[in-house]
C-alpha atoms as a PDB file:
ATOM      1  CA  MET A   1     115.371 105.929 110.882  1.00  0.00           C
ATOM      2  CA  LEU A   2     116.002 103.829 107.821  1.00  0.00           C
ATOM      3  CA  ASP A   3     115.423 100.770 109.995  1.00  0.00           C
ATOM      4  CA  LEU A   4     111.929 102.085 110.762  1.00  0.00           C
ATOM      5  CA  LEU A   5     111.187 102.338 107.038  1.00  0.00           C
ATOM      6  CA  ARG A   6     112.454  98.832 106.405  1.00  0.00           C
ATOM      7  CA  THR A   7     109.874  97.263 108.726  1.00  0.00           C
ATOM      8  CA  PRO A   8     107.010  95.502 106.934  1.00  0.00           C
ATOM      9  CA  ALA A   9     104.323  97.287 108.974  1.00  0.00           C
ATOM     10  CA  LYS A  10     101.843  99.390 106.997  1.00  0.00           C
ATOM     11  CA  THR A  11     102.393 102.191 109.507  1.00  0.00           C
ATOM     12  CA  ALA A  12     106.168 102.343 108.892  1.00  0.00           C
ATOM     13  CA  VAL A  13     106.007 105.586 106.893  1.00  0.00           C
ATOM     14  CA  ASN A  14     103.925 107.382 109.521  1.00  0.00           C
ATOM     15  CA  THR A  15     106.103 106.034 112.338  1.00  0.00           C
ATOM     16  CA  THR A  16     109.214 107.222 110.515  1.00  0.00           C
ATOM     17  CA  TRP A  17     107.678 110.661 109.902  1.00  0.00           C
ATOM     18  CA  ASP A  18     106.809 110.994 113.595  1.00  0.00           C
ATOM     19  CA  ALA A  19     110.343 109.938 114.588  1.00  0.00           C
ATOM     20  CA  LEU A  20     111.804 112.446 112.132  1.00  0.00           C
ATOM     21  CA  VAL A  21     109.650 115.257 113.538  1.00  0.00           C
ATOM     22  CA  ALA A  22     110.679 114.274 117.078  1.00  0.00           C
ATOM     23  CA  ALA A  23     114.376 114.218 116.109  1.00  0.00           C
ATOM     24  CA  VAL A  24     114.193 117.646 114.477  1.00  0.00           C
ATOM     25  CA  GLY A  25     112.304 118.882 117.543  1.00  0.00           C
ATOM     26  CA  THR A  26     115.330 118.125 119.729  1.00  0.00           C
ATOM     27  CA  GLU A  27     117.421 120.565 117.672  1.00  0.00           C
ATOM     28  CA  SER A  28     114.894 123.139 116.487  1.00  0.00           C
ATOM     29  CA  THR A  29     111.893 125.053 117.750  1.00  0.00           C
ATOM     30  CA  ARG A  30     110.220 124.701 114.349  1.00  0.00           C
ATOM     31  CA  ASP A  31     106.572 123.651 114.480  1.00  0.00           C
ATOM     32  CA  PHE A  32     105.536 121.005 111.982  1.00  0.00           C
ATOM     33  CA  ARG A  33     102.094 120.842 110.431  1.00  0.00           C
ATOM     34  CA  ALA A  34      99.992 117.753 111.023  1.00  0.00           C
ATOM     35  CA  ARG A  35     101.124 114.659 109.133  1.00  0.00           C
ATOM     36  CA  HIS A  36      99.935 114.757 105.517  1.00  0.00           C
ATOM     37  CA  HIS A  37     100.556 112.515 102.516  1.00  0.00           C
ATOM     38  CA  ALA A  38     102.309 115.393 100.725  1.00  0.00           C
ATOM     39  CA  TYR A  39     104.961 115.334 103.483  1.00  0.00           C
ATOM     40  CA  THR A  40     105.222 111.565 103.825  1.00  0.00           C
ATOM     41  CA  GLU A  41     105.271 110.790 100.088  1.00  0.00           C
ATOM     42  CA  PRO A  42     109.104 111.106  99.863  1.00  0.00           C
ATOM     43  CA  LEU A  43     109.359 108.589 102.689  1.00  0.00           C
ATOM     44  CA  LYS A  44     107.141 106.188 100.720  1.00  0.00           C
ATOM     45  CA  TRP A  45     109.470 106.600  97.751  1.00  0.00           C
ATOM     46  CA  LEU A  46     112.508 105.959  99.950  1.00  0.00           C
ATOM     47  CA  ARG A  47     110.820 102.901 101.474  1.00  0.00           C
ATOM     48  CA  GLY A  48     110.248 101.492  97.990  1.00  0.00           C
ATOM     49  CA  PHE A  49     113.887 102.096  97.190  1.00  0.00           C
ATOM     50  CA  LEU A  50     114.985 100.320 100.375  1.00  0.00           C
ATOM     51  CA  ASP A  51     112.672  97.380  99.602  1.00  0.00           C
ATOM     52  CA  ARG A  52     114.799  96.644  96.538  1.00  0.00           C
ATOM     53  CA  ASN A  53     117.635  95.652  98.907  1.00  0.00           C
ATOM     54  CA  VAL A  54     120.000  98.302  97.625  1.00  0.00           C
ATOM     55  CA  ALA A  55     123.050  98.383  99.873  1.00  0.00           C
ATOM     56  CA  ARG A  56     123.305 102.169 100.100  1.00  0.00           C
ATOM     57  CA  PRO A  57     121.001 104.915  98.887  1.00  0.00           C
ATOM     58  CA  VAL A  58     122.637 107.638  96.804  1.00  0.00           C
ATOM     59  CA  PRO A  59     122.565 110.982  98.598  1.00  0.00           C
ATOM     60  CA  GLY A  60     121.229 114.003  96.742  1.00  0.00           C
ATOM     61  CA  LEU A  61     122.951 117.046  98.202  1.00  0.00           C
ATOM     62  CA  THR A  62     123.385 120.701  97.529  1.00  0.00           C
ATOM     63  CA  VAL A  63     126.903 121.942  96.872  1.00  0.00           C
ATOM     64  CA  HIS A  64     126.901 123.539 100.316  1.00  0.00           C
ATOM     65  CA  GLN A  65     125.964 120.235 101.984  1.00  0.00           C
ATOM     66  CA  ALA A  66     128.622 118.369 100.004  1.00  0.00           C
ATOM     67  CA  LYS A  67     131.450 120.756 100.888  1.00  0.00           C
ATOM     68  CA  GLY A  68     134.217 118.860 102.631  1.00  0.00           C
ATOM     69  CA  CYS A  69     132.783 115.464 101.581  1.00  0.00           C
ATOM     70  CA  GLU A  70     134.100 113.078  98.969  1.00  0.00           C
ATOM     71  CA  TRP A  71     132.656 110.133  96.992  1.00  0.00           C
ATOM     72  CA  ASP A  72     134.036 107.728  94.410  1.00  0.00           C
ATOM     73  CA  ALA A  73     131.715 109.144  91.750  1.00  0.00           C
ATOM     74  CA  VAL A  74     129.683 112.350  91.589  1.00  0.00           C
ATOM     75  CA  GLY A  75     126.980 113.520  89.193  1.00  0.00           C
ATOM     76  CA  VAL A  76     126.481 117.257  88.719  1.00  0.00           C
ATOM     77  CA  CYS A  77     123.753 119.034  86.749  1.00  0.00           C
ATOM     78  CA  LEU A  78     125.171 122.235  85.256  1.00  0.00           C
ATOM     79  CA  THR A  79     123.243 125.130  83.756  1.00  0.00           C
ATOM     80  CA  ALA A  80     124.243 126.631  80.412  1.00  0.00           C
ATOM     81  CA  THR A  81     125.793 129.575  82.273  1.00  0.00           C
ATOM     82  CA  GLN A  82     127.853 127.248  84.451  1.00  0.00           C
ATOM     83  CA  ARG A  83     129.017 125.283  81.410  1.00  0.00           C
ATOM     84  CA  ALA A  84     130.114 128.523  79.729  1.00  0.00           C
ATOM     85  CA  ALA A  85     132.010 129.601  82.846  1.00  0.00           C
ATOM     86  CA  LEU A  86     133.725 126.233  82.989  1.00  0.00           C
ATOM     87  CA  ALA A  87     134.663 126.419  79.303  1.00  0.00           C
ATOM     88  CA  SER A  88     136.175 129.891  79.666  1.00  0.00           C
ATOM     89  CA  GLY A  89     137.938 129.165  82.970  1.00  0.00           C
ATOM     90  CA  LEU A  90     136.780 129.613  86.545  1.00  0.00           C
ATOM     91  CA  ASP A  91     137.634 132.769  88.467  1.00  0.00           C
ATOM     92  CA  PRO A  92     138.373 132.024  92.145  1.00  0.00           C
ATOM     93  CA  ALA A  93     137.136 135.521  93.071  1.00  0.00           C
ATOM     94  CA  ASN A  94     133.654 134.719  91.686  1.00  0.00           C
ATOM     95  CA  SER A  95     131.437 132.963  94.265  1.00  0.00           C
ATOM     96  CA  ASN A  96     129.388 131.224  91.556  1.00  0.00           C
ATOM     97  CA  HIS A  97     132.578 129.834  90.050  1.00  0.00           C
ATOM     98  CA  ARG A  98     133.701 128.584  93.477  1.00  0.00           C
ATOM     99  CA  ILE A  99     130.396 126.688  93.772  1.00  0.00           C
ATOM    100  CA  ILE A 100     131.071 124.983  90.433  1.00  0.00           C
ATOM    101  CA  TYR A 101     134.570 124.109  91.614  1.00  0.00           C
ATOM    102  CA  VAL A 102     133.283 122.553  94.849  1.00  0.00           C
ATOM    103  CA  ALA A 103     130.658 120.516  92.970  1.00  0.00           C
ATOM    104  CA  LEU A 104     133.171 119.144  90.482  1.00  0.00           C
ATOM    105  CA  THR A 105     135.885 118.308  93.007  1.00  0.00           C
ATOM    106  CA  ARG A 106     133.849 116.060  95.347  1.00  0.00           C
ATOM    107  CA  ALA A 107     134.664 112.915  93.342  1.00  0.00           C
ATOM    108  CA  LYS A 108     137.674 110.682  93.997  1.00  0.00           C
ATOM    109  CA  SER A 109     137.659 109.275  90.483  1.00  0.00           C
ATOM    110  CA  THR A 110     134.587 109.987  88.317  1.00  0.00           C
ATOM    111  CA  VAL A 111     132.537 113.121  87.635  1.00  0.00           C
ATOM    112  CA  VAL A 112     129.495 113.041  85.389  1.00  0.00           C
ATOM    113  CA  ALA A 113     128.369 116.547  84.433  1.00  0.00           C
ATOM    114  CA  LEU A 114     124.970 116.836  82.817  1.00  0.00           C
END
């Protein structure tokens, strides 16, 4: 689908949205509302990003989506509560602490915690 966004056509965003809806439709019975700029705006942003000839976009994932994955560098935004838990030591029996652990162990070499 990224190839669709990279095309110079003015309709690339709408074409990509339609292809995305069709792809989701093969796996889900979810009904999508009619195409609207509020839904396609993130695709416009992504298209602008791709226009800058960046080799690979950076994925933004939830901890649950990232589980089992690994990257060279990872950035994690921690709440004050999570920072306090990290400072006092994580408890493996606490599910919130396990989430922090997963987030911070996805990097091969560098973790940036904000």
